Amino acid sequence: MIDDTNDLFVDKCAELLHMVLREIRNLSYEAGNEKRIHALSDLMHNVPRFMVGRDEGGADNLREQFEDFEKTHGRTEGYLDVLSMDQTDFDQIFRLARWPEAAEMVG
């Protein structure tokens, strides 16, 4: 079971949306990726609802969906890793490392 604060879960969902949309965009440049694009789109379509608390499945349900996706379609771009991160790791990778000005706000 994932034990996230709501804010951390929302941040993770936002990062997942960014990562998946980037993968979909990259896959769309080559023919033959339609099934993976469809599966990724299907996987992510409820994420905005998770983010605002309108889907009771939440983090655990999302993790199960990503695990099922990987079993069927192969390794993802680290999506499960994002879901597994604690606040410190998430901040280091997605906030502080990419946006130095965020370090000033946090620290």
PDB file of N, CA and C in Angstrom:
ATOM      1  N   MET A   1       0.837  -1.188   0.000  1.00  0.00           N
ATOM      2  CA  MET A   1       0.000   0.000   0.000  1.00  0.00           C
ATOM      3  C   MET A   1       0.875   1.242   0.000  1.00  0.00           C
ATOM      4  N   ILE A   2       0.501   2.227  -0.771  1.00  0.00           N
ATOM      5  CA  ILE A   2       1.235   3.478  -0.838  1.00  0.00           C
ATOM      6  C   ILE A   2       0.689   4.404   0.229  1.00  0.00           C
ATOM      7  N   ASP A   3       1.578   4.986   1.002  1.00  0.00           N
ATOM      8  CA  ASP A   3       1.182   5.892   2.075  1.00  0.00           C
ATOM      9  C   ASP A   3       1.692   7.287   1.742  1.00  0.00           C
ATOM     10  N   ASP A   4       0.992   7.986   0.888  1.00  0.00           N
ATOM     11  CA  ASP A   4       1.384   9.328   0.474  1.00  0.00           C
ATOM     12  C   ASP A   4       0.454  10.346   1.102  1.00  0.00           C
ATOM     13  N   THR A   5       1.031  11.514   1.351  1.00  0.00           N
ATOM     14  CA  THR A   5       0.151  12.628   1.640  1.00  0.00           C
ATOM     15  C   THR A   5      -0.557  12.962   0.340  1.00  0.00           C
ATOM     16  N   ASN A   6      -1.689  13.582   0.428  1.00  0.00           N
ATOM     17  CA  ASN A   6      -2.424  13.926  -0.784  1.00  0.00           C
ATOM     18  C   ASN A   6      -1.594  14.812  -1.694  1.00  0.00           C
ATOM     19  N   ASP A   7      -0.865  15.782  -1.114  1.00  0.00           N
ATOM     20  CA  ASP A   7      -0.059  16.688  -1.939  1.00  0.00           C
ATOM     21  C   ASP A   7       1.010  15.932  -2.703  1.00  0.00           C
ATOM     22  N   LEU A   8       1.686  14.986  -2.059  1.00  0.00           N
ATOM     23  CA  LEU A   8       2.713  14.209  -2.742  1.00  0.00           C
ATOM     24  C   LEU A   8       2.085  13.357  -3.841  1.00  0.00           C
ATOM     25  N   PHE A   9       0.938  12.761  -3.573  1.00  0.00           N
ATOM     26  CA  PHE A   9       0.266  11.959  -4.591  1.00  0.00           C
ATOM     27  C   PHE A   9      -0.124  12.812  -5.791  1.00  0.00           C
ATOM     28  N   VAL A  10      -0.642  13.991  -5.556  1.00  0.00           N
ATOM     29  CA  VAL A  10      -1.004  14.892  -6.648  1.00  0.00           C
ATOM     30  C   VAL A  10       0.238  15.270  -7.446  1.00  0.00           C
ATOM     31  N   ASP A  11       1.340  15.561  -6.762  1.00  0.00           N
ATOM     32  CA  ASP A  11       2.588  15.877  -7.456  1.00  0.00           C
ATOM     33  C   ASP A  11       3.061  14.701  -8.304  1.00  0.00           C
ATOM     34  N   LYS A  12       2.958  13.492  -7.764  1.00  0.00           N
ATOM     35  CA  LYS A  12       3.352  12.305  -8.520  1.00  0.00           C
ATOM     36  C   LYS A  12       2.470  12.118  -9.740  1.00  0.00           C
ATOM     37  N   CYS A  13       1.168  12.315  -9.583  1.00  0.00           N
ATOM     38  CA  CYS A  13       0.251  12.189 -10.721  1.00  0.00           C
ATOM     39  C   CYS A  13       0.586  13.204 -11.802  1.00  0.00           C
ATOM     40  N   ALA A  14       0.899  14.422 -11.405  1.00  0.00           N
ATOM     41  CA  ALA A  14       1.262  15.447 -12.382  1.00  0.00           C
ATOM     42  C   ALA A  14       2.526  15.039 -13.132  1.00  0.00           C
ATOM     43  N   GLU A  15       3.510  14.524 -12.425  1.00  0.00           N
ATOM     44  CA  GLU A  15       4.740  14.087 -13.078  1.00  0.00           C
ATOM     45  C   GLU A  15       4.473  12.901 -14.003  1.00  0.00           C
ATOM     46  N   LEU A  16       3.636  11.965 -13.559  1.00  0.00           N
ATOM     47  CA  LEU A  16       3.281  10.829 -14.417  1.00  0.00           C
ATOM     48  C   LEU A  16       2.581  11.284 -15.687  1.00  0.00           C
ATOM     49  N   LEU A  17       1.661  12.223 -15.563  1.00  0.00           N
ATOM     50  CA  LEU A  17       0.992  12.750 -16.758  1.00  0.00           C
ATOM     51  C   LEU A  17       2.011  13.339 -17.723  1.00  0.00           C
ATOM     52  N   HIS A  18       2.939  14.105 -17.198  1.00  0.00           N
ATOM     53  CA  HIS A  18       3.978  14.699 -18.033  1.00  0.00           C
ATOM     54  C   HIS A  18       4.804  13.615 -18.729  1.00  0.00           C
ATOM     55  N   MET A  19       5.235  12.626 -17.977  1.00  0.00           N
ATOM     56  CA  MET A  19       6.077  11.560 -18.525  1.00  0.00           C
ATOM     57  C   MET A  19       5.333  10.742 -19.585  1.00  0.00           C
ATOM     58  N   VAL A  20       4.092  10.382 -19.286  1.00  0.00           N
ATOM     59  CA  VAL A  20       3.323   9.554 -20.217  1.00  0.00           C
ATOM     60  C   VAL A  20       2.988  10.333 -21.484  1.00  0.00           C
ATOM     61  N   LEU A  21       2.590  11.584 -21.348  1.00  0.00           N
ATOM     62  CA  LEU A  21       2.300  12.374 -22.543  1.00  0.00           C
ATOM     63  C   LEU A  21       3.545  12.551 -23.406  1.00  0.00           C
ATOM     64  N   ARG A  22       4.690  12.701 -22.770  1.00  0.00           N
ATOM     65  CA  ARG A  22       5.942  12.788 -23.523  1.00  0.00           C
ATOM     66  C   ARG A  22       6.219  11.482 -24.275  1.00  0.00           C
ATOM     67  N   GLU A  23       5.979  10.340 -23.590  1.00  0.00           N
ATOM     68  CA  GLU A  23       6.181   9.057 -24.263  1.00  0.00           C
ATOM     69  C   GLU A  23       5.204   8.885 -25.424  1.00  0.00           C
ATOM     70  N   ILE A  24       3.949   9.240 -25.217  1.00  0.00           N
ATOM     71  CA  ILE A  24       2.954   9.146 -26.292  1.00  0.00           C
ATOM     72  C   ILE A  24       3.372  10.009 -27.480  1.00  0.00           C
ATOM     73  N   ARG A  25       3.813  11.215 -27.202  1.00  0.00           N
ATOM     74  CA  ARG A  25       4.270  12.093 -28.289  1.00  0.00           C
ATOM     75  C   ARG A  25       5.411  11.442 -29.066  1.00  0.00           C
ATOM     76  N   ASN A  26       6.394  10.911 -28.346  1.00  0.00           N
ATOM     77  CA  ASN A  26       7.543  10.288 -29.004  1.00  0.00           C
ATOM     78  C   ASN A  26       7.142   9.040 -29.783  1.00  0.00           C
ATOM     79  N   LEU A  27       6.233   8.258 -29.240  1.00  0.00           N
ATOM     80  CA  LEU A  27       5.769   7.066 -29.947  1.00  0.00           C
ATOM     81  C   LEU A  27       4.995   7.416 -31.213  1.00  0.00           C
ATOM     82  N   SER A  28       4.340   8.546 -31.214  1.00  0.00           N
ATOM     83  CA  SER A  28       3.492   8.913 -32.348  1.00  0.00           C
ATOM     84  C   SER A  28       4.288   9.228 -33.616  1.00  0.00           C
ATOM     85  N   TYR A  29       5.581   9.435 -33.491  1.00  0.00           N
ATOM     86  CA  TYR A  29       6.412   9.748 -34.661  1.00  0.00           C
ATOM     87  C   TYR A  29       6.680   8.533 -35.540  1.00  0.00           C
ATOM     88  N   GLU A  30       6.442   7.338 -35.012  1.00  0.00           N
ATOM     89  CA  GLU A  30       6.720   6.124 -35.781  1.00  0.00           C
ATOM     90  C   GLU A  30       5.469   5.256 -35.857  1.00  0.00           C
ATOM     91  N   ALA A  31       5.251   4.675 -37.006  1.00  0.00           N
ATOM     92  CA  ALA A  31       4.122   3.764 -37.185  1.00  0.00           C
ATOM     93  C   ALA A  31       4.362   2.492 -36.383  1.00  0.00           C
ATOM     94  N   GLY A  32       3.286   1.836 -36.016  1.00  0.00           N
ATOM     95  CA  GLY A  32       3.384   0.569 -35.313  1.00  0.00           C
ATOM     96  C   GLY A  32       3.295   0.679 -33.800  1.00  0.00           C
ATOM     97  N   ASN A  33       3.136   1.882 -33.290  1.00  0.00           N
ATOM     98  CA  ASN A  33       3.066   2.080 -31.840  1.00  0.00           C
ATOM     99  C   ASN A  33       1.649   2.323 -31.341  1.00  0.00           C
ATOM    100  N   GLU A  34       0.687   2.082 -32.203  1.00  0.00           N
ATOM    101  CA  GLU A  34      -0.691   2.421 -31.866  1.00  0.00           C
ATOM    102  C   GLU A  34      -1.198   1.698 -30.617  1.00  0.00           C
ATOM    103  N   LYS A  35      -0.855   0.423 -30.468  1.00  0.00           N
ATOM    104  CA  LYS A  35      -1.350  -0.334 -29.307  1.00  0.00           C
ATOM    105  C   LYS A  35      -0.783   0.216 -28.006  1.00  0.00           C
ATOM    106  N   ARG A  36       0.511   0.546 -28.005  1.00  0.00           N
ATOM    107  CA  ARG A  36       1.112   1.098 -26.783  1.00  0.00           C
ATOM    108  C   ARG A  36       0.546   2.492 -26.496  1.00  0.00           C
ATOM    109  N   ILE A  37       0.368   3.301 -27.527  1.00  0.00           N
ATOM    110  CA  ILE A  37      -0.218   4.628 -27.335  1.00  0.00           C
ATOM    111  C   ILE A  37      -1.617   4.505 -26.747  1.00  0.00           C
ATOM    112  N   HIS A  38      -2.412   3.599 -27.293  1.00  0.00           N
ATOM    113  CA  HIS A  38      -3.770   3.393 -26.777  1.00  0.00           C
ATOM    114  C   HIS A  38      -3.723   2.936 -25.324  1.00  0.00           C
ATOM    115  N   ALA A  39      -2.846   1.992 -25.015  1.00  0.00           N
ATOM    116  CA  ALA A  39      -2.751   1.461 -23.652  1.00  0.00           C
ATOM    117  C   ALA A  39      -2.303   2.536 -22.669  1.00  0.00           C
ATOM    118  N   LEU A  40      -1.345   3.366 -23.073  1.00  0.00           N
ATOM    119  CA  LEU A  40      -0.896   4.454 -22.193  1.00  0.00           C
ATOM    120  C   LEU A  40      -2.008   5.467 -21.969  1.00  0.00           C
ATOM    121  N   SER A  41      -2.735   5.787 -23.027  1.00  0.00           N
ATOM    122  CA  SER A  41      -3.857   6.727 -22.895  1.00  0.00           C
ATOM    123  C   SER A  41      -4.923   6.165 -21.968  1.00  0.00           C
ATOM    124  N   ASP A  42      -5.216   4.888 -22.133  1.00  0.00           N
ATOM    125  CA  ASP A  42      -6.208   4.233 -21.283  1.00  0.00           C
ATOM    126  C   ASP A  42      -5.750   4.212 -19.827  1.00  0.00           C
ATOM    127  N   LEU A  43      -4.484   3.968 -19.623  1.00  0.00           N
ATOM    128  CA  LEU A  43      -3.911   3.923 -18.284  1.00  0.00           C
ATOM    129  C   LEU A  43      -4.050   5.265 -17.571  1.00  0.00           C
ATOM    130  N   MET A  44      -3.891   6.339 -18.304  1.00  0.00           N
ATOM    131  CA  MET A  44      -3.817   7.660 -17.673  1.00  0.00           C
ATOM    132  C   MET A  44      -5.125   8.434 -17.640  1.00  0.00           C
ATOM    133  N   HIS A  45      -6.156   7.952 -18.300  1.00  0.00           N
ATOM    134  CA  HIS A  45      -7.342   8.795 -18.431  1.00  0.00           C
ATOM    135  C   HIS A  45      -8.036   9.123 -17.112  1.00  0.00           C
ATOM    136  N   ASN A  46      -7.849   8.328 -16.073  1.00  0.00           N
ATOM    137  CA  ASN A  46      -8.469   8.634 -14.780  1.00  0.00           C
ATOM    138  C   ASN A  46      -7.554   9.396 -13.824  1.00  0.00           C
ATOM    139  N   VAL A  47      -6.316   9.621 -14.211  1.00  0.00           N
ATOM    140  CA  VAL A  47      -5.376  10.284 -13.308  1.00  0.00           C
ATOM    141  C   VAL A  47      -5.860  11.664 -12.852  1.00  0.00           C
ATOM    142  N   PRO A  48      -6.427  12.491 -13.720  1.00  0.00           N
ATOM    143  CA  PRO A  48      -6.939  13.766 -13.203  1.00  0.00           C
ATOM    144  C   PRO A  48      -7.985  13.581 -12.094  1.00  0.00           C
ATOM    145  N   ARG A  49      -8.769  12.533 -12.180  1.00  0.00           N
ATOM    146  CA  ARG A  49      -9.744  12.268 -11.109  1.00  0.00           C
ATOM    147  C   ARG A  49      -9.046  11.839  -9.819  1.00  0.00           C
ATOM    148  N   PHE A  50      -7.995  11.026  -9.951  1.00  0.00           N
ATOM    149  CA  PHE A  50      -7.225  10.664  -8.749  1.00  0.00           C
ATOM    150  C   PHE A  50      -6.681  11.926  -8.088  1.00  0.00           C
ATOM    151  N   MET A  51      -6.217  12.861  -8.909  1.00  0.00           N
ATOM    152  CA  MET A  51      -5.564  14.063  -8.404  1.00  0.00           C
ATOM    153  C   MET A  51      -6.500  14.927  -7.571  1.00  0.00           C
ATOM    154  N   VAL A  52      -7.759  14.919  -7.901  1.00  0.00           N
ATOM    155  CA  VAL A  52      -8.710  15.762  -7.175  1.00  0.00           C
ATOM    156  C   VAL A  52      -9.587  14.960  -6.213  1.00  0.00           C
ATOM    157  N   GLY A  53      -9.238  13.686  -6.016  1.00  0.00           N
ATOM    158  CA  GLY A  53      -9.945  12.873  -5.043  1.00  0.00           C
ATOM    159  C   GLY A  53     -11.303  12.384  -5.490  1.00  0.00           C
ATOM    160  N   ARG A  54     -11.556  12.361  -6.795  1.00  0.00           N
ATOM    161  CA  ARG A  54     -12.860  11.922  -7.293  1.00  0.00           C
ATOM    162  C   ARG A  54     -12.871  10.469  -7.713  1.00  0.00           C
ATOM    163  N   ASP A  55     -11.771   9.765  -7.501  1.00  0.00           N
ATOM    164  CA  ASP A  55     -11.714   8.339  -7.794  1.00  0.00           C
ATOM    165  C   ASP A  55     -11.201   7.652  -6.546  1.00  0.00           C
ATOM    166  N   GLU A  56     -11.982   6.738  -6.015  1.00  0.00           N
ATOM    167  CA  GLU A  56     -11.634   6.112  -4.742  1.00  0.00           C
ATOM    168  C   GLU A  56     -10.452   5.158  -4.836  1.00  0.00           C
ATOM    169  N   GLY A  57     -10.062   4.774  -6.049  1.00  0.00           N
ATOM    170  CA  GLY A  57      -8.945   3.851  -6.210  1.00  0.00           C
ATOM    171  C   GLY A  57      -7.620   4.441  -5.751  1.00  0.00           C
ATOM    172  N   GLY A  58      -7.390   5.677  -6.096  1.00  0.00           N
ATOM    173  CA  GLY A  58      -6.209   6.387  -5.677  1.00  0.00           C
ATOM    174  C   GLY A  58      -4.892   5.720  -6.022  1.00  0.00           C
ATOM    175  N   ALA A  59      -3.917   5.922  -5.144  1.00  0.00           N
ATOM    176  CA  ALA A  59      -2.539   5.512  -5.397  1.00  0.00           C
ATOM    177  C   ALA A  59      -2.383   4.006  -5.575  1.00  0.00           C
ATOM    178  N   ASP A  60      -3.022   3.225  -4.733  1.00  0.00           N
ATOM    179  CA  ASP A  60      -2.872   1.774  -4.846  1.00  0.00           C
ATOM    180  C   ASP A  60      -3.447   1.254  -6.158  1.00  0.00           C
ATOM    181  N   ASN A  61      -4.584   1.782  -6.566  1.00  0.00           N
ATOM    182  CA  ASN A  61      -5.194   1.383  -7.823  1.00  0.00           C
ATOM    183  C   ASN A  61      -4.300   1.772  -8.998  1.00  0.00           C
ATOM    184  N   LEU A  62      -3.737   2.955  -8.946  1.00  0.00           N
ATOM    185  CA  LEU A  62      -2.862   3.418 -10.018  1.00  0.00           C
ATOM    186  C   LEU A  62      -1.621   2.536 -10.122  1.00  0.00           C
ATOM    187  N   ARG A  63      -1.046   2.176  -8.991  1.00  0.00           N
ATOM    188  CA  ARG A  63       0.121   1.288  -8.988  1.00  0.00           C
ATOM    189  C   ARG A  63      -0.233  -0.051  -9.643  1.00  0.00           C
ATOM    190  N   GLU A  64      -1.360  -0.628  -9.275  1.00  0.00           N
ATOM    191  CA  GLU A  64      -1.792  -1.904  -9.868  1.00  0.00           C
ATOM    192  C   GLU A  64      -1.957  -1.781 -11.378  1.00  0.00           C
ATOM    193  N   GLN A  65      -2.501  -0.676 -11.831  1.00  0.00           N
ATOM    194  CA  GLN A  65      -2.687  -0.467 -13.261  1.00  0.00           C
ATOM    195  C   GLN A  65      -1.340  -0.382 -13.981  1.00  0.00           C
ATOM    196  N   PHE A  66      -0.374   0.312 -13.395  1.00  0.00           N
ATOM    197  CA  PHE A  66       0.954   0.388 -14.005  1.00  0.00           C
ATOM    198  C   PHE A  66       1.647  -0.970 -13.994  1.00  0.00           C
ATOM    199  N   GLU A  67       1.468  -1.740 -12.923  1.00  0.00           N
ATOM    200  CA  GLU A  67       2.052  -3.089 -12.878  1.00  0.00           C
ATOM    201  C   GLU A  67       1.451  -3.971 -13.968  1.00  0.00           C
ATOM    202  N   ASP A  68       0.137  -3.907 -14.139  1.00  0.00           N
ATOM    203  CA  ASP A  68      -0.529  -4.671 -15.206  1.00  0.00           C
ATOM    204  C   ASP A  68      -0.043  -4.220 -16.577  1.00  0.00           C
ATOM    205  N   PHE A  69       0.122  -2.919 -16.752  1.00  0.00           N
ATOM    206  CA  PHE A  69       0.609  -2.394 -18.014  1.00  0.00           C
ATOM    207  C   PHE A  69       1.989  -2.964 -18.335  1.00  0.00           C
ATOM    208  N   GLU A  70       2.881  -2.966 -17.353  1.00  0.00           N
ATOM    209  CA  GLU A  70       4.228  -3.478 -17.576  1.00  0.00           C
ATOM    210  C   GLU A  70       4.229  -4.969 -17.908  1.00  0.00           C
ATOM    211  N   LYS A  71       3.334  -5.722 -17.296  1.00  0.00           N
ATOM    212  CA  LYS A  71       3.250  -7.153 -17.611  1.00  0.00           C
ATOM    213  C   LYS A  71       2.839  -7.368 -19.064  1.00  0.00           C
ATOM    214  N   THR A  72       1.954  -6.530 -19.550  1.00  0.00           N
ATOM    215  CA  THR A  72       1.431  -6.684 -20.901  1.00  0.00           C
ATOM    216  C   THR A  72       2.307  -6.019 -21.954  1.00  0.00           C
ATOM    217  N   HIS A  73       2.823  -4.827 -21.657  1.00  0.00           N
ATOM    218  CA  HIS A  73       3.482  -4.002 -22.671  1.00  0.00           C
ATOM    219  C   HIS A  73       4.974  -3.788 -22.438  1.00  0.00           C
ATOM    220  N   GLY A  74       5.519  -4.342 -21.367  1.00  0.00           N
ATOM    221  CA  GLY A  74       6.938  -4.165 -21.097  1.00  0.00           C
ATOM    222  C   GLY A  74       7.215  -2.980 -20.194  1.00  0.00           C
ATOM    223  N   ARG A  75       8.450  -2.870 -19.826  1.00  0.00           N
ATOM    224  CA  ARG A  75       8.915  -1.840 -18.885  1.00  0.00           C
ATOM    225  C   ARG A  75       8.516  -0.448 -19.341  1.00  0.00           C
ATOM    226  N   THR A  76       8.130   0.349 -18.371  1.00  0.00           N
ATOM    227  CA  THR A  76       7.773   1.738 -18.644  1.00  0.00           C
ATOM    228  C   THR A  76       8.992   2.625 -18.403  1.00  0.00           C
ATOM    229  N   GLU A  77       8.791   3.879 -18.558  1.00  0.00           N
ATOM    230  CA  GLU A  77       9.855   4.875 -18.398  1.00  0.00           C
ATOM    231  C   GLU A  77      10.045   5.268 -16.936  1.00  0.00           C
ATOM    232  N   GLY A  78       9.931   4.333 -16.025  1.00  0.00           N
ATOM    233  CA  GLY A  78      10.135   4.634 -14.611  1.00  0.00           C
ATOM    234  C   GLY A  78       8.896   5.094 -13.882  1.00  0.00           C
ATOM    235  N   TYR A  79       7.740   4.809 -14.444  1.00  0.00           N
ATOM    236  CA  TYR A  79       6.497   5.265 -13.822  1.00  0.00           C
ATOM    237  C   TYR A  79       6.291   4.661 -12.435  1.00  0.00           C
ATOM    238  N   LEU A  80       6.566   3.379 -12.284  1.00  0.00           N
ATOM    239  CA  LEU A  80       6.421   2.749 -10.968  1.00  0.00           C
ATOM    240  C   LEU A  80       7.435   3.304  -9.985  1.00  0.00           C
ATOM    241  N   ASP A  81       8.592   3.688 -10.482  1.00  0.00           N
ATOM    242  CA  ASP A  81       9.595   4.302  -9.609  1.00  0.00           C
ATOM    243  C   ASP A  81       9.068   5.603  -9.017  1.00  0.00           C
ATOM    244  N   VAL A  82       8.395   6.392  -9.836  1.00  0.00           N
ATOM    245  CA  VAL A  82       7.821   7.648  -9.355  1.00  0.00           C
ATOM    246  C   VAL A  82       6.805   7.371  -8.251  1.00  0.00           C
ATOM    247  N   LEU A  83       5.947   6.382  -8.466  1.00  0.00           N
ATOM    248  CA  LEU A  83       4.931   6.061  -7.459  1.00  0.00           C
ATOM    249  C   LEU A  83       5.536   5.570  -6.153  1.00  0.00           C
ATOM    250  N   SER A  84       6.737   5.015  -6.198  1.00  0.00           N
ATOM    251  CA  SER A  84       7.378   4.462  -5.009  1.00  0.00           C
ATOM    252  C   SER A  84       8.195   5.482  -4.217  1.00  0.00           C
ATOM    253  N   MET A  85       8.439   6.633  -4.777  1.00  0.00           N
ATOM    254  CA  MET A  85       9.312   7.615  -4.131  1.00  0.00           C
ATOM    255  C   MET A  85       8.684   8.222  -2.891  1.00  0.00           C
ATOM    256  N   ASP A  86       9.560   8.485  -1.914  1.00  0.00           N
ATOM    257  CA  ASP A  86       9.109   9.269  -0.772  1.00  0.00           C
ATOM    258  C   ASP A  86       9.290  10.750  -1.118  1.00  0.00           C
ATOM    259  N   GLN A  87       8.862  11.611  -0.219  1.00  0.00           N
ATOM    260  CA  GLN A  87       8.889  13.056  -0.478  1.00  0.00           C
ATOM    261  C   GLN A  87      10.299  13.552  -0.781  1.00  0.00           C
ATOM    262  N   THR A  88      11.279  13.097  -0.015  1.00  0.00           N
ATOM    263  CA  THR A  88      12.660  13.562  -0.195  1.00  0.00           C
ATOM    264  C   THR A  88      13.190  13.188  -1.571  1.00  0.00           C
ATOM    265  N   ASP A  89      13.016  11.923  -1.966  1.00  0.00           N
ATOM    266  CA  ASP A  89      13.498  11.489  -3.276  1.00  0.00           C
ATOM    267  C   ASP A  89      12.774  12.233  -4.402  1.00  0.00           C
ATOM    268  N   PHE A  90      11.477  12.383  -4.253  1.00  0.00           N
ATOM    269  CA  PHE A  90      10.710  13.082  -5.280  1.00  0.00           C
ATOM    270  C   PHE A  90      11.210  14.515  -5.436  1.00  0.00           C
ATOM    271  N   ASP A  91      11.406  15.184  -4.312  1.00  0.00           N
ATOM    272  CA  ASP A  91      11.896  16.564  -4.360  1.00  0.00           C
ATOM    273  C   ASP A  91      13.263  16.650  -5.014  1.00  0.00           C
ATOM    274  N   GLN A  92      14.150  15.737  -4.671  1.00  0.00           N
ATOM    275  CA  GLN A  92      15.498  15.759  -5.229  1.00  0.00           C
ATOM    276  C   GLN A  92      15.489  15.574  -6.742  1.00  0.00           C
ATOM    277  N   ILE A  93      14.666  14.687  -7.220  1.00  0.00           N
ATOM    278  CA  ILE A  93      14.673  14.360  -8.648  1.00  0.00           C
ATOM    279  C   ILE A  93      13.815  15.309  -9.470  1.00  0.00           C
ATOM    280  N   PHE A  94      12.638  15.626  -8.993  1.00  0.00           N
ATOM    281  CA  PHE A  94      11.693  16.371  -9.823  1.00  0.00           C
ATOM    282  C   PHE A  94      11.549  17.841  -9.472  1.00  0.00           C
ATOM    283  N   ARG A  95      12.045  18.236  -8.341  1.00  0.00           N
ATOM    284  CA  ARG A  95      11.937  19.651  -8.011  1.00  0.00           C
ATOM    285  C   ARG A  95      13.303  20.304  -7.975  1.00  0.00           C
ATOM    286  N   LEU A  96      14.103  19.900  -7.020  1.00  0.00           N
ATOM    287  CA  LEU A  96      15.362  20.593  -6.789  1.00  0.00           C
ATOM    288  C   LEU A  96      16.339  20.436  -7.938  1.00  0.00           C
ATOM    289  N   ALA A  97      16.425  19.253  -8.514  1.00  0.00           N
ATOM    290  CA  ALA A  97      17.399  19.004  -9.568  1.00  0.00           C
ATOM    291  C   ALA A  97      17.049  19.751 -10.852  1.00  0.00           C
ATOM    292  N   ARG A  98      15.785  19.922 -11.124  1.00  0.00           N
ATOM    293  CA  ARG A  98      15.383  20.547 -12.388  1.00  0.00           C
ATOM    294  C   ARG A  98      15.159  22.041 -12.261  1.00  0.00           C
ATOM    295  N   TRP A  99      14.717  22.482 -11.134  1.00  0.00           N
ATOM    296  CA  TRP A  99      14.389  23.870 -10.959  1.00  0.00           C
ATOM    297  C   TRP A  99      15.127  24.409  -9.751  1.00  0.00           C
ATOM    298  N   PRO A 100      16.343  24.939  -9.958  1.00  0.00           N
ATOM    299  CA  PRO A 100      17.154  25.430  -8.832  1.00  0.00           C
ATOM    300  C   PRO A 100      16.427  26.451  -7.974  1.00  0.00           C
ATOM    301  N   GLU A 101      15.586  27.247  -8.584  1.00  0.00           N
ATOM    302  CA  GLU A 101      14.864  28.245  -7.792  1.00  0.00           C
ATOM    303  C   GLU A 101      13.934  27.600  -6.771  1.00  0.00           C
ATOM    304  N   ALA A 102      13.508  26.350  -7.017  1.00  0.00           N
ATOM    305  CA  ALA A 102      12.659  25.645  -6.056  1.00  0.00           C
ATOM    306  C   ALA A 102      13.426  25.352  -4.781  1.00  0.00           C
ATOM    307  N   ALA A 103      14.724  25.124  -4.881  1.00  0.00           N
ATOM    308  CA  ALA A 103      15.545  24.848  -3.694  1.00  0.00           C
ATOM    309  C   ALA A 103      15.487  26.025  -2.728  1.00  0.00           C
ATOM    310  N   GLU A 104      15.456  27.229  -3.266  1.00  0.00           N
ATOM    311  CA  GLU A 104      15.371  28.416  -2.412  1.00  0.00           C
ATOM    312  C   GLU A 104      14.039  28.467  -1.688  1.00  0.00           C
ATOM    313  N   MET A 105      12.963  28.046  -2.354  1.00  0.00           N
ATOM    314  CA  MET A 105      11.632  28.066  -1.727  1.00  0.00           C
ATOM    315  C   MET A 105      11.522  26.992  -0.663  1.00  0.00           C
ATOM    316  N   VAL A 106      12.085  25.801  -0.945  1.00  0.00           N
ATOM    317  CA  VAL A 106      11.986  24.670  -0.014  1.00  0.00           C
ATOM    318  C   VAL A 106      12.927  24.860   1.158  1.00  0.00           C
ATOM    319  N   GLY A 107      14.144  25.282   0.879  1.00  0.00           N
ATOM    320  CA  GLY A 107      15.183  25.350   1.911  1.00  0.00           C
ATOM    321  C   GLY A 107      15.290  26.707   2.460  1.00  0.00           C
TER     322      GLY A 107
END
